[in-house]
């Protein structure tokens, strides 16, 4: 089974594991993304005022905690504007 859920922050150990898997997917699918930008994900979720966007991380995982895909959106509520920054699946998962 597949479930889609939102990750709000990295405060809980289960969420930390999910974020690490998302970062691994970014590294695998987008090799040109700098490591500094990948490492910012946790801070973007925790401190939206610093980045002027509210980060919305959606993950598709199985009930065992393995992340199969994710989407990262940024929302500026003051501008009523959102954009999709990343959407990706783990290697070998697409097309199922």
C-alpha atoms as a PDB file:
ATOM      1  CA  UNK A   1       0.000   0.000   0.000  1.00  0.00           C
ATOM      2  CA  UNK A   2       1.004   3.556  -0.644  1.00  0.00           C
ATOM      3  CA  UNK A   3       0.191   6.547   1.514  1.00  0.00           C
ATOM      4  CA  UNK A   4       0.751  10.239   0.912  1.00  0.00           C
ATOM      5  CA  UNK A   5       1.410  12.454   3.886  1.00  0.00           C
ATOM      6  CA  UNK A   6       2.807  15.837   4.771  1.00  0.00           C
ATOM      7  CA  UNK A   7       6.021  16.237   6.735  1.00  0.00           C
ATOM      8  CA  UNK A   8       5.807  19.376   8.859  1.00  0.00           C
ATOM      9  CA  UNK A   9       9.251  19.410  10.455  1.00  0.00           C
ATOM     10  CA  UNK A  10      12.246  17.333  11.495  1.00  0.00           C
ATOM     11  CA  UNK A  11      11.517  17.312  15.218  1.00  0.00           C
ATOM     12  CA  UNK A  12      10.458  13.670  15.385  1.00  0.00           C
ATOM     13  CA  UNK A  13      12.924  10.848  14.637  1.00  0.00           C
ATOM     14  CA  UNK A  14      10.510   9.297  12.118  1.00  0.00           C
ATOM     15  CA  UNK A  15      10.336  12.597  10.210  1.00  0.00           C
ATOM     16  CA  UNK A  16      14.125  12.916  10.305  1.00  0.00           C
ATOM     17  CA  UNK A  17      14.432   9.510   8.619  1.00  0.00           C
ATOM     18  CA  UNK A  18      11.940  10.562   5.944  1.00  0.00           C
ATOM     19  CA  UNK A  19      13.808  13.811   5.264  1.00  0.00           C
ATOM     20  CA  UNK A  20      17.087  11.906   4.900  1.00  0.00           C
ATOM     21  CA  UNK A  21      15.422   9.651   2.312  1.00  0.00           C
ATOM     22  CA  UNK A  22      14.057  12.697   0.460  1.00  0.00           C
ATOM     23  CA  UNK A  23      17.538  14.225   0.421  1.00  0.00           C
ATOM     24  CA  UNK A  24      18.908  10.958  -0.987  1.00  0.00           C
ATOM     25  CA  UNK A  25      16.294  11.033  -3.765  1.00  0.00           C
ATOM     26  CA  UNK A  26      17.260  14.621  -4.608  1.00  0.00           C
ATOM     27  CA  UNK A  27      20.932  13.611  -4.805  1.00  0.00           C
ATOM     28  CA  UNK A  28      20.128  10.649  -7.060  1.00  0.00           C
ATOM     29  CA  UNK A  29      17.632  12.347  -9.376  1.00  0.00           C
ATOM     30  CA  UNK A  30      19.103  15.863  -9.479  1.00  0.00           C
ATOM     31  CA  UNK A  31      22.895  15.475  -9.370  1.00  0.00           C
ATOM     32  CA  UNK A  32      23.489  19.126 -10.295  1.00  0.00           C
ATOM     33  CA  UNK A  33      21.834  20.406  -7.097  1.00  0.00           C
ATOM     34  CA  UNK A  34      24.453  21.638  -4.653  1.00  0.00           C
ATOM     35  CA  UNK A  35      24.778  19.834  -1.341  1.00  0.00           C
ATOM     36  CA  UNK A  36      24.208  23.090   0.573  1.00  0.00           C
ATOM     37  CA  UNK A  37      20.760  23.448  -1.002  1.00  0.00           C
ATOM     38  CA  UNK A  38      19.897  19.841  -0.171  1.00  0.00           C
ATOM     39  CA  UNK A  39      20.940  20.350   3.449  1.00  0.00           C
ATOM     40  CA  UNK A  40      18.703  23.449   3.712  1.00  0.00           C
ATOM     41  CA  UNK A  41      15.556  21.331   3.527  1.00  0.00           C
ATOM     42  CA  UNK A  42      15.337  20.784   7.278  1.00  0.00           C
ATOM     43  CA  UNK A  43      15.825  24.486   7.986  1.00  0.00           C
ATOM     44  CA  UNK A  44      13.264  25.453   5.326  1.00  0.00           C
ATOM     45  CA  UNK A  45      10.657  23.300   7.040  1.00  0.00           C
ATOM     46  CA  UNK A  46      11.550  24.620  10.482  1.00  0.00           C
ATOM     47  CA  UNK A  47      12.013  28.335   9.741  1.00  0.00           C
ATOM     48  CA  UNK A  48       9.772  29.617   6.928  1.00  0.00           C
ATOM     49  CA  UNK A  49      10.316  33.276   7.839  1.00  0.00           C
ATOM     50  CA  UNK A  50      14.020  33.037   7.052  1.00  0.00           C
ATOM     51  CA  UNK A  51      13.274  31.872   3.490  1.00  0.00           C
ATOM     52  CA  UNK A  52      10.074  33.952   3.035  1.00  0.00           C
ATOM     53  CA  UNK A  53       8.192  30.841   1.911  1.00  0.00           C
ATOM     54  CA  UNK A  54       6.271  28.179   3.788  1.00  0.00           C
ATOM     55  CA  UNK A  55       7.716  24.820   2.773  1.00  0.00           C
ATOM     56  CA  UNK A  56       5.312  21.976   2.103  1.00  0.00           C
ATOM     57  CA  UNK A  57       6.885  18.526   1.855  1.00  0.00           C
ATOM     58  CA  UNK A  58       4.620  15.707   0.692  1.00  0.00           C
ATOM     59  CA  UNK A  59       5.939  12.160   0.641  1.00  0.00           C
ATOM     60  CA  UNK A  60       4.570   8.950  -0.801  1.00  0.00           C
ATOM     61  CA  UNK A  61       5.739   6.023   1.263  1.00  0.00           C
ATOM     62  CA  UNK A  62       4.778   2.541   2.255  1.00  0.00           C
ATOM     63  CA  UNK A  63       3.763   1.744   5.788  1.00  0.00           C
ATOM     64  CA  UNK A  64       7.268   0.458   6.556  1.00  0.00           C
ATOM     65  CA  UNK A  65       8.735   3.951   6.232  1.00  0.00           C
ATOM     66  CA  UNK A  66      10.374   3.646   2.818  1.00  0.00           C
ATOM     67  CA  UNK A  67       9.868   6.846   0.799  1.00  0.00           C
ATOM     68  CA  UNK A  68       8.991   6.129  -2.838  1.00  0.00           C
ATOM     69  CA  UNK A  69       8.398   9.707  -4.025  1.00  0.00           C
ATOM     70  CA  UNK A  70       8.114  13.266  -2.799  1.00  0.00           C
ATOM     71  CA  UNK A  71       7.008  16.748  -3.802  1.00  0.00           C
ATOM     72  CA  UNK A  72       8.401  19.966  -2.354  1.00  0.00           C
ATOM     73  CA  UNK A  73       6.283  23.084  -2.716  1.00  0.00           C
ATOM     74  CA  UNK A  74       6.881  26.619  -1.528  1.00  0.00           C
ATOM     75  CA  UNK A  75       4.003  28.908  -0.603  1.00  0.00           C
ATOM     76  CA  UNK A  76       4.058  32.668  -0.068  1.00  0.00           C
ATOM     77  CA  UNK A  77       0.777  33.366   1.742  1.00  0.00           C
ATOM     78  CA  UNK A  78       1.203  37.136   1.561  1.00  0.00           C
ATOM     79  CA  UNK A  79       1.375  36.939  -2.247  1.00  0.00           C
ATOM     80  CA  UNK A  80      -1.148  34.109  -2.566  1.00  0.00           C
ATOM     81  CA  UNK A  81       1.481  32.311  -4.646  1.00  0.00           C
ATOM     82  CA  UNK A  82       2.926  28.796  -4.667  1.00  0.00           C
ATOM     83  CA  UNK A  83       5.426  26.942  -6.793  1.00  0.00           C
ATOM     84  CA  UNK A  84       6.493  23.338  -7.105  1.00  0.00           C
ATOM     85  CA  UNK A  85      10.247  23.108  -6.606  1.00  0.00           C
ATOM     86  CA  UNK A  86      10.752  19.334  -6.860  1.00  0.00           C
ATOM     87  CA  UNK A  87       8.729  16.265  -7.647  1.00  0.00           C
ATOM     88  CA  UNK A  88      10.582  12.966  -7.964  1.00  0.00           C
ATOM     89  CA  UNK A  89      10.536   9.244  -7.343  1.00  0.00           C
ATOM     90  CA  UNK A  90      13.343   7.099  -6.075  1.00  0.00           C
ATOM     91  CA  UNK A  91      15.500   5.371  -8.673  1.00  0.00           C
ATOM     92  CA  UNK A  92      13.752   2.432 -10.293  1.00  0.00           C
ATOM     93  CA  UNK A  93      10.302   3.333  -8.975  1.00  0.00           C
ATOM     94  CA  UNK A  94       8.833   5.398 -11.828  1.00  0.00           C
ATOM     95  CA  UNK A  95       6.431   3.754 -14.228  1.00  0.00           C
ATOM     96  CA  UNK A  96       4.865   1.392 -11.717  1.00  0.00           C
END
